[in-house]
C-alpha atoms as a PDB file:
ATOM      1  CA  MET A   1       0.177  -0.334   0.020  1.00  0.00           C
ATOM      2  CA  ASP A   2       3.169   2.709   1.377  1.00  0.00           C
ATOM      3  CA  HIS A   3       4.579   1.508  -2.451  1.00  0.00           C
ATOM      4  CA  LEU A   4       1.293   2.394  -4.894  1.00  0.00           C
ATOM      5  CA  GLN A   5       0.715   5.616  -2.503  1.00  0.00           C
ATOM      6  CA  GLN A   6       4.632   6.431  -3.445  1.00  0.00           C
ATOM      7  CA  MET A   7       4.096   5.840  -7.437  1.00  0.00           C
ATOM      8  CA  SER A   8       0.818   7.895  -6.988  1.00  0.00           C
ATOM      9  CA  ASN A   9       2.712  11.105  -5.176  1.00  0.00           C
ATOM     10  CA  SER A  10       5.401  10.642  -8.209  1.00  0.00           C
ATOM     11  CA  SER A  11       2.888  10.667 -10.722  1.00  0.00           C
ATOM     12  CA  SER A  12       1.148  13.282  -9.574  1.00  0.00           C
ATOM     13  CA  ILE A  13       4.265  15.486  -9.723  1.00  0.00           C
ATOM     14  CA  SER A  14       3.564  18.149 -13.378  1.00  0.00           C
ATOM     15  CA  HIS A  15       6.145  19.887 -12.397  1.00  0.00           C
ATOM     16  CA  PHE A  16       9.501  20.647 -10.810  1.00  0.00           C
ATOM     17  CA  LEU A  17      10.818  24.150  -8.434  1.00  0.00           C
ATOM     18  CA  LEU A  18      14.027  25.321  -8.728  1.00  0.00           C
ATOM     19  CA  LEU A  19      16.081  27.021  -6.673  1.00  0.00           C
ATOM     20  CA  PRO A  20      15.504  30.719  -6.427  1.00  0.00           C
ATOM     21  CA  LEU A  21      18.718  32.074  -7.109  1.00  0.00           C
ATOM     22  CA  ALA A  22      18.102  35.598  -5.249  1.00  0.00           C
ATOM     23  CA  ASP A  23      15.354  37.576  -3.187  1.00  0.00           C
ATOM     24  CA  THR A  24      15.601  40.674  -4.497  1.00  0.00           C
ATOM     25  CA  ARG A  25      15.234  42.575  -7.934  1.00  0.00           C
ATOM     26  CA  GLN A  26      18.500  43.747  -7.659  1.00  0.00           C
ATOM     27  CA  LEU A  27      19.558  40.341  -7.189  1.00  0.00           C
ATOM     28  CA  GLN A  28      17.752  39.097  -9.865  1.00  0.00           C
ATOM     29  CA  LEU A  29      19.513  41.007 -12.171  1.00  0.00           C
ATOM     30  CA  LEU A  30      22.899  40.418 -11.069  1.00  0.00           C
ATOM     31  CA  HIS A  31      22.202  36.679 -11.328  1.00  0.00           C
ATOM     32  CA  PHE A  32      20.836  37.346 -15.166  1.00  0.00           C
ATOM     33  CA  CYS A  33      24.057  39.321 -16.147  1.00  0.00           C
ATOM     34  CA  LEU A  34      26.729  36.821 -14.336  1.00  0.00           C
ATOM     35  CA  PHE A  35      24.498  34.054 -16.701  1.00  0.00           C
ATOM     36  CA  LEU A  36      24.633  36.107 -19.572  1.00  0.00           C
ATOM     37  CA  ALA A  37      28.181  37.055 -19.363  1.00  0.00           C
ATOM     38  CA  ILE A  38      28.921  33.633 -18.899  1.00  0.00           C
ATOM     39  CA  SER A  39      26.711  32.366 -22.223  1.00  0.00           C
ATOM     40  CA  LEU A  40      28.276  35.167 -24.110  1.00  0.00           C
ATOM     41  CA  ALA A  41      31.943  33.739 -23.296  1.00  0.00           C
ATOM     42  CA  ALA A  42      31.583  30.976 -24.251  1.00  0.00           C
ATOM     43  CA  LEU A  43      29.598  31.389 -27.536  1.00  0.00           C
ATOM     44  CA  LEU A  44      32.431  33.609 -28.422  1.00  0.00           C
ATOM     45  CA  GLY A  45      34.973  31.455 -27.505  1.00  0.00           C
ATOM     46  CA  ASN A  46      33.847  28.084 -28.946  1.00  0.00           C
ATOM     47  CA  GLY A  47      31.742  29.720 -31.775  1.00  0.00           C
ATOM     48  CA  LEU A  48      35.635  31.041 -32.995  1.00  0.00           C
ATOM     49  CA  ILE A  49      37.514  27.656 -33.026  1.00  0.00           C
ATOM     50  CA  ILE A  50      34.415  26.338 -35.039  1.00  0.00           C
ATOM     51  CA  SER A  51      34.685  28.623 -37.171  1.00  0.00           C
ATOM     52  CA  ALA A  52      38.446  28.901 -37.903  1.00  0.00           C
ATOM     53  CA  VAL A  53      38.285  24.812 -37.804  1.00  0.00           C
ATOM     54  CA  ALA A  54      35.771  24.561 -40.318  1.00  0.00           C
ATOM     55  CA  CYS A  55      37.020  27.381 -42.907  1.00  0.00           C
ATOM     56  CA  GLY A  56      40.676  26.894 -42.050  1.00  0.00           C
ATOM     57  CA  HIS A  57      41.662  23.725 -44.436  1.00  0.00           C
ATOM     58  CA  HIS A  58      44.897  23.831 -43.328  1.00  0.00           C
ATOM     59  CA  LEU A  59      43.091  22.439 -39.750  1.00  0.00           C
ATOM     60  CA  HIS A  60      41.602  19.635 -41.065  1.00  0.00           C
ATOM     61  CA  THR A  61      44.027  17.391 -38.421  1.00  0.00           C
ATOM     62  CA  PRO A  62      42.372  14.739 -35.289  1.00  0.00           C
ATOM     63  CA  MET A  63      43.367  16.764 -33.004  1.00  0.00           C
ATOM     64  CA  PHE A  64      41.606  20.192 -34.416  1.00  0.00           C
ATOM     65  CA  PHE A  65      38.791  17.836 -35.089  1.00  0.00           C
ATOM     66  CA  PHE A  66      38.485  16.574 -31.731  1.00  0.00           C
ATOM     67  CA  LEU A  67      38.670  20.505 -30.785  1.00  0.00           C
ATOM     68  CA  LEU A  68      36.100  21.013 -33.009  1.00  0.00           C
ATOM     69  CA  ASN A  69      33.897  18.708 -31.336  1.00  0.00           C
ATOM     70  CA  LEU A  70      34.922  19.256 -27.720  1.00  0.00           C
ATOM     71  CA  ALA A  71      33.135  22.945 -29.008  1.00  0.00           C
ATOM     72  CA  LEU A  72      30.328  22.121 -29.672  1.00  0.00           C
ATOM     73  CA  THR A  73      29.240  20.154 -26.625  1.00  0.00           C
ATOM     74  CA  ASP A  74      30.126  23.224 -24.524  1.00  0.00           C
ATOM     75  CA  LEU A  75      28.124  24.900 -26.521  1.00  0.00           C
ATOM     76  CA  GLY A  76      25.781  22.233 -25.802  1.00  0.00           C
ATOM     77  CA  CYS A  77      25.975  21.819 -21.938  1.00  0.00           C
ATOM     78  CA  ILE A  78      25.562  25.887 -21.595  1.00  0.00           C
ATOM     79  CA  CYS A  79      22.121  25.946 -23.708  1.00  0.00           C
ATOM     80  CA  THR A  80      20.604  23.482 -22.001  1.00  0.00           C
ATOM     81  CA  THR A  81      21.074  24.908 -18.558  1.00  0.00           C
ATOM     82  CA  VAL A  82      21.849  28.974 -19.043  1.00  0.00           C
ATOM     83  CA  PRO A  83      18.231  29.950 -21.089  1.00  0.00           C
ATOM     84  CA  LYS A  84      15.914  28.432 -18.210  1.00  0.00           C
ATOM     85  CA  ALA A  85      18.181  30.053 -15.658  1.00  0.00           C
ATOM     86  CA  MET A  86      18.420  33.487 -17.007  1.00  0.00           C
ATOM     87  CA  HIS A  87      14.928  33.103 -17.886  1.00  0.00           C
ATOM     88  CA  ASN A  88      14.049  32.548 -14.480  1.00  0.00           C
ATOM     89  CA  SER A  89      15.999  35.348 -13.338  1.00  0.00           C
ATOM     90  CA  LEU A  90      14.758  38.008 -15.681  1.00  0.00           C
ATOM     91  CA  TRP A  91      10.916  37.188 -15.602  1.00  0.00           C
ATOM     92  CA  ASP A  92      11.333  36.337 -11.543  1.00  0.00           C
ATOM     93  CA  THR A  93       9.735  32.479 -11.743  1.00  0.00           C
ATOM     94  CA  ARG A  94      10.785  28.666 -10.785  1.00  0.00           C
ATOM     95  CA  ASN A  95       8.341  26.520 -12.527  1.00  0.00           C
ATOM     96  CA  VAL A  96       9.567  23.707 -14.752  1.00  0.00           C
ATOM     97  CA  SER A  97       7.369  20.755 -16.170  1.00  0.00           C
ATOM     98  CA  TYR A  98       8.051  17.743 -15.716  1.00  0.00           C
ATOM     99  CA  ALA A  99       8.641  16.977 -19.577  1.00  0.00           C
ATOM    100  CA  GLY A 100      10.859  20.053 -19.565  1.00  0.00           C
ATOM    101  CA  CYS A 101      13.035  18.319 -16.386  1.00  0.00           C
ATOM    102  CA  ALA A 102      13.740  15.391 -17.969  1.00  0.00           C
ATOM    103  CA  SER A 103      14.661  16.929 -21.294  1.00  0.00           C
ATOM    104  CA  GLN A 104      17.234  19.254 -19.944  1.00  0.00           C
ATOM    105  CA  LEU A 105      18.597  16.002 -18.011  1.00  0.00           C
ATOM    106  CA  PHE A 106      18.992  13.515 -20.729  1.00  0.00           C
ATOM    107  CA  PHE A 107      20.560  16.236 -22.648  1.00  0.00           C
ATOM    108  CA  PHE A 108      22.684  17.642 -19.647  1.00  0.00           C
ATOM    109  CA  MET A 109      23.829  14.134 -19.765  1.00  0.00           C
ATOM    110  CA  PHE A 110      24.177  13.361 -22.868  1.00  0.00           C
ATOM    111  CA  PHE A 111      26.423  16.312 -23.451  1.00  0.00           C
ATOM    112  CA  ILE A 112      28.416  16.298 -20.524  1.00  0.00           C
ATOM    113  CA  SER A 113      29.462  12.268 -20.792  1.00  0.00           C
ATOM    114  CA  VAL A 114      30.640  13.044 -24.377  1.00  0.00           C
ATOM    115  CA  GLU A 115      33.149  15.572 -23.399  1.00  0.00           C
ATOM    116  CA  PHE A 116      34.220  13.377 -21.040  1.00  0.00           C
ATOM    117  CA  SER A 117      35.170  10.648 -23.958  1.00  0.00           C
ATOM    118  CA  LEU A 118      36.058  13.789 -25.556  1.00  0.00           C
ATOM    119  CA  LEU A 119      38.441  14.774 -23.529  1.00  0.00           C
ATOM    120  CA  THR A 120      40.236  11.168 -23.200  1.00  0.00           C
ATOM    121  CA  ILE A 121      40.003  11.021 -26.770  1.00  0.00           C
ATOM    122  CA  THR A 122      41.964  14.515 -27.140  1.00  0.00           C
ATOM    123  CA  TYR A 123      44.609  13.043 -24.422  1.00  0.00           C
ATOM    124  CA  TYR A 124      45.544  10.076 -26.290  1.00  0.00           C
ATOM    125  CA  ASP A 125      46.037  12.073 -29.326  1.00  0.00           C
ATOM    126  CA  ARG A 126      48.200  13.714 -27.686  1.00  0.00           C
ATOM    127  CA  TYR A 127      49.565  10.992 -26.487  1.00  0.00           C
ATOM    128  CA  VAL A 128      50.119   9.488 -29.979  1.00  0.00           C
ATOM    129  CA  SER A 129      51.418  12.457 -31.283  1.00  0.00           C
ATOM    130  CA  ILE A 130      54.468  12.718 -28.314  1.00  0.00           C
ATOM    131  CA  CYS A 131      55.461   9.223 -27.667  1.00  0.00           C
ATOM    132  CA  LYS A 132      54.908   7.543 -30.684  1.00  0.00           C
ATOM    133  CA  PRO A 133      55.368   9.566 -33.541  1.00  0.00           C
ATOM    134  CA  LEU A 134      56.095   6.954 -36.412  1.00  0.00           C
ATOM    135  CA  HIS A 135      52.390   5.938 -36.033  1.00  0.00           C
ATOM    136  CA  TYR A 136      50.291   8.690 -35.582  1.00  0.00           C
ATOM    137  CA  GLY A 137      48.896   8.535 -39.405  1.00  0.00           C
ATOM    138  CA  THR A 138      48.006   5.256 -38.995  1.00  0.00           C
ATOM    139  CA  LEU A 139      46.295   5.377 -35.638  1.00  0.00           C
ATOM    140  CA  LEU A 140      44.640   8.547 -36.204  1.00  0.00           C
ATOM    141  CA  GLY A 141      43.769   8.560 -39.532  1.00  0.00           C
ATOM    142  CA  SER A 142      40.185   9.981 -41.022  1.00  0.00           C
ATOM    143  CA  ARG A 143      38.278   6.276 -40.891  1.00  0.00           C
ATOM    144  CA  ALA A 144      39.744   6.109 -36.576  1.00  0.00           C
ATOM    145  CA  CYS A 145      38.968   9.523 -35.858  1.00  0.00           C
ATOM    146  CA  ALA A 146      35.311   9.408 -37.692  1.00  0.00           C
ATOM    147  CA  HIS A 147      34.940   5.915 -35.321  1.00  0.00           C
ATOM    148  CA  MET A 148      35.765   7.491 -32.294  1.00  0.00           C
ATOM    149  CA  ALA A 149      33.916  10.785 -32.342  1.00  0.00           C
ATOM    150  CA  ALA A 150      31.322   8.748 -33.497  1.00  0.00           C
ATOM    151  CA  ALA A 151      31.726   6.757 -30.186  1.00  0.00           C
ATOM    152  CA  ALA A 152      31.477   9.384 -28.253  1.00  0.00           C
ATOM    153  CA  TRP A 153      28.702  10.671 -29.283  1.00  0.00           C
ATOM    154  CA  ALA A 154      26.877   7.603 -29.373  1.00  0.00           C
ATOM    155  CA  SER A 155      28.048   6.426 -25.949  1.00  0.00           C
ATOM    156  CA  GLY A 156      26.553   9.735 -24.672  1.00  0.00           C
ATOM    157  CA  PHE A 157      23.400   9.395 -26.231  1.00  0.00           C
ATOM    158  CA  LEU A 158      23.588   5.724 -24.337  1.00  0.00           C
ATOM    159  CA  ILE A 159      24.916   6.757 -20.617  1.00  0.00           C
ATOM    160  CA  ALA A 160      21.813  10.247 -20.825  1.00  0.00           C
ATOM    161  CA  LEU A 161      19.515   7.302 -21.485  1.00  0.00           C
ATOM    162  CA  LEU A 162      20.206   5.443 -19.064  1.00  0.00           C
ATOM    163  CA  HIS A 163      20.385   7.858 -16.503  1.00  0.00           C
ATOM    164  CA  THR A 164      17.307   9.812 -17.669  1.00  0.00           C
ATOM    165  CA  ALA A 165      15.277   6.959 -17.465  1.00  0.00           C
ATOM    166  CA  ASN A 166      16.349   5.576 -14.204  1.00  0.00           C
ATOM    167  CA  THR A 167      16.483   8.671 -12.014  1.00  0.00           C
ATOM    168  CA  PHE A 168      12.381   9.689 -13.473  1.00  0.00           C
ATOM    169  CA  SER A 169      11.669   5.962 -12.810  1.00  0.00           C
ATOM    170  CA  LEU A 170      12.096   5.936  -9.184  1.00  0.00           C
ATOM    171  CA  PRO A 171       9.425   7.114  -6.817  1.00  0.00           C
ATOM    172  CA  LEU A 172       9.325  11.009  -5.132  1.00  0.00           C
ATOM    173  CA  CYS A 173       7.926  11.590  -2.243  1.00  0.00           C
ATOM    174  CA  HIS A 174       9.613  14.901  -1.146  1.00  0.00           C
ATOM    175  CA  GLY A 175       8.182  17.177  -2.922  1.00  0.00           C
ATOM    176  CA  ASN A 176       8.328  19.089  -5.938  1.00  0.00           C
ATOM    177  CA  VAL A 177      11.284  21.517  -5.453  1.00  0.00           C
ATOM    178  CA  LEU A 178      15.137  21.557  -6.380  1.00  0.00           C
ATOM    179  CA  GLY A 179      17.482  23.052  -4.878  1.00  0.00           C
ATOM    180  CA  GLN A 180      19.680  23.864  -7.860  1.00  0.00           C
ATOM    181  CA  PHE A 181      18.886  25.970 -10.928  1.00  0.00           C
ATOM    182  CA  PHE A 182      18.697  23.449 -13.785  1.00  0.00           C
ATOM    183  CA  CYS A 183      17.434  20.065 -13.570  1.00  0.00           C
ATOM    184  CA  ASP A 184      20.268  18.255 -12.296  1.00  0.00           C
ATOM    185  CA  ILE A 185      20.338  14.302 -10.930  1.00  0.00           C
ATOM    186  CA  PRO A 186      21.445  14.814  -7.107  1.00  0.00           C
ATOM    187  CA  GLN A 187      18.423  17.059  -6.605  1.00  0.00           C
ATOM    188  CA  ILE A 188      16.376  14.998  -7.836  1.00  0.00           C
ATOM    189  CA  LEU A 189      17.694  11.867  -6.029  1.00  0.00           C
ATOM    190  CA  LYS A 190      16.699  13.738  -2.846  1.00  0.00           C
ATOM    191  CA  LEU A 191      13.220  14.073  -3.793  1.00  0.00           C
ATOM    192  CA  SER A 192      12.601  10.040  -4.115  1.00  0.00           C
ATOM    193  CA  CYS A 193      11.150   7.794  -0.901  1.00  0.00           C
ATOM    194  CA  SER A 194      13.160   4.483  -2.157  1.00  0.00           C
ATOM    195  CA  LYS A 195      15.772   3.435  -1.932  1.00  0.00           C
ATOM    196  CA  SER A 196      16.228   2.442  -5.549  1.00  0.00           C
ATOM    197  CA  TYR A 197      17.799   5.501  -5.797  1.00  0.00           C
ATOM    198  CA  LEU A 198      21.794   3.378  -5.153  1.00  0.00           C
ATOM    199  CA  ARG A 199      20.819   2.192  -8.875  1.00  0.00           C
ATOM    200  CA  GLU A 200      21.330   5.383  -9.952  1.00  0.00           C
ATOM    201  CA  LEU A 201      24.624   5.633  -8.291  1.00  0.00           C
ATOM    202  CA  GLY A 202      26.092   3.007  -9.044  1.00  0.00           C
ATOM    203  CA  LEU A 203      25.672   4.817 -12.221  1.00  0.00           C
ATOM    204  CA  ILE A 204      27.146   7.655 -12.019  1.00  0.00           C
ATOM    205  CA  ALA A 205      30.345   5.882 -10.241  1.00  0.00           C
ATOM    206  CA  VAL A 206      30.447   3.656 -13.828  1.00  0.00           C
ATOM    207  CA  SER A 207      30.220   6.605 -15.933  1.00  0.00           C
ATOM    208  CA  SER A 208      32.792   8.899 -13.727  1.00  0.00           C
ATOM    209  CA  CYS A 209      35.562   5.458 -13.889  1.00  0.00           C
ATOM    210  CA  LEU A 210      35.182   5.813 -17.800  1.00  0.00           C
ATOM    211  CA  GLY A 211      35.853   9.488 -17.799  1.00  0.00           C
ATOM    212  CA  LEU A 212      39.437   8.653 -16.084  1.00  0.00           C
ATOM    213  CA  ALA A 213      42.706   9.078 -18.444  1.00  0.00           C
ATOM    214  CA  PHE A 214      46.156  10.141 -18.960  1.00  0.00           C
ATOM    215  CA  SER A 215      47.259  13.242 -20.281  1.00  0.00           C
ATOM    216  CA  THR A 216      50.376  14.990 -21.547  1.00  0.00           C
ATOM    217  CA  CYS A 217      49.987  18.386 -20.940  1.00  0.00           C
ATOM    218  CA  LEU A 218      49.223  19.793 -17.124  1.00  0.00           C
ATOM    219  CA  PRO A 219      46.835  22.274 -18.383  1.00  0.00           C
ATOM    220  CA  HIS A 220      44.550  19.089 -20.246  1.00  0.00           C
ATOM    221  CA  LEU A 221      45.255  17.151 -16.678  1.00  0.00           C
ATOM    222  CA  ALA A 222      43.969  20.576 -14.376  1.00  0.00           C
ATOM    223  CA  VAL A 223      41.078  20.757 -16.461  1.00  0.00           C
ATOM    224  CA  LEU A 224      40.248  16.881 -16.698  1.00  0.00           C
ATOM    225  CA  SER A 225      41.125  16.858 -12.413  1.00  0.00           C
ATOM    226  CA  LEU A 226      38.877  19.853 -11.531  1.00  0.00           C
ATOM    227  CA  PHE A 227      35.991  18.636 -14.458  1.00  0.00           C
ATOM    228  CA  ILE A 228      36.000  14.929 -12.299  1.00  0.00           C
ATOM    229  CA  SER A 229      36.866  16.364  -8.892  1.00  0.00           C
ATOM    230  CA  THR A 230      33.696  18.688  -9.110  1.00  0.00           C
ATOM    231  CA  VAL A 231      31.090  16.686 -10.366  1.00  0.00           C
ATOM    232  CA  ILE A 232      32.305  13.800  -7.925  1.00  0.00           C
ATOM    233  CA  PHE A 233      31.612  16.040  -4.949  1.00  0.00           C
ATOM    234  CA  VAL A 234      28.145  17.198  -6.005  1.00  0.00           C
ATOM    235  CA  TYR A 235      27.003  13.951  -6.592  1.00  0.00           C
ATOM    236  CA  PHE A 236      28.161  12.030  -4.090  1.00  0.00           C
ATOM    237  CA  LYS A 237      29.248  14.388  -1.131  1.00  0.00           C
ATOM    238  CA  PRO A 238      27.743  13.693   2.220  1.00  0.00           C
ATOM    239  CA  LEU A 239      24.044  15.334   2.637  1.00  0.00           C
ATOM    240  CA  SER A 240      25.278  16.652   6.091  1.00  0.00           C
ATOM    241  CA  ILE A 241      27.444  19.100   4.253  1.00  0.00           C
ATOM    242  CA  SER A 242      25.318  20.213   1.624  1.00  0.00           C
ATOM    243  CA  SER A 243      24.038  23.800   1.054  1.00  0.00           C
ATOM    244  CA  PRO A 244      22.354  26.048  -1.386  1.00  0.00           C
ATOM    245  CA  SER A 245      25.261  28.508  -1.795  1.00  0.00           C
ATOM    246  CA  LEU A 246      27.824  25.362  -2.254  1.00  0.00           C
ATOM    247  CA  ASP A 247      25.833  23.753  -4.391  1.00  0.00           C
ATOM    248  CA  LEU A 248      25.351  26.822  -6.994  1.00  0.00           C
ATOM    249  CA  ALA A 249      28.683  27.358  -6.570  1.00  0.00           C
ATOM    250  CA  GLN A 250      30.183  24.131  -7.657  1.00  0.00           C
ATOM    251  CA  THR A 251      27.200  23.511 -10.260  1.00  0.00           C
ATOM    252  CA  VAL A 252      28.201  26.772 -12.285  1.00  0.00           C
ATOM    253  CA  LEU A 253      31.790  25.673 -12.051  1.00  0.00           C
ATOM    254  CA  TYR A 254      30.943  22.313 -13.920  1.00  0.00           C
ATOM    255  CA  SER A 255      28.051  23.601 -15.817  1.00  0.00           C
ATOM    256  CA  GLY A 256      29.223  26.790 -17.011  1.00  0.00           C
ATOM    257  CA  VAL A 257      31.850  28.088 -16.599  1.00  0.00           C
ATOM    258  CA  LEU A 258      34.863  24.982 -17.642  1.00  0.00           C
ATOM    259  CA  ALA A 259      32.972  25.420 -20.940  1.00  0.00           C
ATOM    260  CA  VAL A 260      34.538  29.081 -20.967  1.00  0.00           C
ATOM    261  CA  LEU A 261      38.277  27.993 -19.862  1.00  0.00           C
ATOM    262  CA  ASN A 262      38.504  24.471 -22.184  1.00  0.00           C
ATOM    263  CA  PRO A 263      38.537  27.204 -25.476  1.00  0.00           C
ATOM    264  CA  LEU A 264      41.514  29.025 -23.900  1.00  0.00           C
ATOM    265  CA  ILE A 265      43.523  25.395 -22.467  1.00  0.00           C
ATOM    266  CA  TYR A 266      42.261  23.443 -25.309  1.00  0.00           C
ATOM    267  CA  SER A 267      42.435  25.246 -28.365  1.00  0.00           C
ATOM    268  CA  LEU A 268      43.187  29.590 -28.009  1.00  0.00           C
ATOM    269  CA  ARG A 269      46.730  28.529 -26.564  1.00  0.00           C
ATOM    270  CA  ASN A 270      47.019  26.851 -30.022  1.00  0.00           C
ATOM    271  CA  GLN A 271      49.272  29.444 -32.071  1.00  0.00           C
ATOM    272  CA  GLU A 272      47.946  27.843 -35.149  1.00  0.00           C
ATOM    273  CA  LEU A 273      44.258  28.076 -34.174  1.00  0.00           C
ATOM    274  CA  LYS A 274      45.525  31.424 -32.932  1.00  0.00           C
ATOM    275  CA  ALA A 275      46.237  32.656 -36.080  1.00  0.00           C
ATOM    276  CA  ALA A 276      43.593  30.994 -38.064  1.00  0.00           C
ATOM    277  CA  VAL A 277      40.920  32.731 -35.575  1.00  0.00           C
ATOM    278  CA  TRP A 278      42.919  36.686 -36.329  1.00  0.00           C
ATOM    279  CA  ARG A 279      43.102  36.015 -39.880  1.00  0.00           C
ATOM    280  CA  MET A 280      39.269  35.318 -39.579  1.00  0.00           C
ATOM    281  CA  ILE A 281      38.344  38.138 -37.618  1.00  0.00           C
ATOM    282  CA  THR A 282      40.523  40.383 -39.144  1.00  0.00           C
ATOM    283  CA  GLY A 283      38.724  39.438 -43.060  1.00  0.00           C
ATOM    284  CA  TRP A 284      35.556  40.211 -41.349  1.00  0.00           C
ATOM    285  CA  PHE A 285      36.657  43.575 -41.296  1.00  0.00           C
ATOM    286  CA  LYS A 286      38.396  44.363 -44.636  1.00  0.00           C
END
């Protein structure tokens, strides 16, 4: 009987309430401007990379091909989470529909999972280019690169589908208020009244292990360490040390700020790409 009541409570939820970012109108507008700045920076940096690699034929190499894919995932993460937060801050709303929440969680997990895979591939690319330069053309030919990129996107889709289906199959009986500015798995798990949430934690642990990789460059290792450690802490930290402000800061870090840092660390430090971007920009003003 209790189980039927739990399932009834879960199925009766038509919408969720997201975290209100501020109590006053001034702070709401400040949050809107902050998210707008993050979005514009991510769109500018990643957009320049995509345009330069797509238009520059001399950049059609494995490394830049994977960086282009990485830029696409960064844009996907930003477009999945930030617009809704900006809308809520500007219009002082909190509602997100049940279907909208599920869609947001799916696409966020999709792009995050693909980014994990692409980071691993970029480290493999650097490893081969440095440690096995004579075999670079064989190990990272055009067909091999296409297969690896396709595997990254396909595995991301599968992981996102598993996480979304598993999370929204849990009975929810602790209301519909989420302590985050977008629909995130840990916040939905807090609403669950079933110990079956351990299945989801197991899926998250396996997915995190798949993201562990090697690196030959310190900046790459620093970003990967920041990315993985932040995600693991958000998903596995004890409830006793949880707080809305801490959760918000951590989530903004791995869902938005890293999308701004990635172009700087992985791409715009590259002399060839910087030259291509500069030629493209100067060409616009001629």
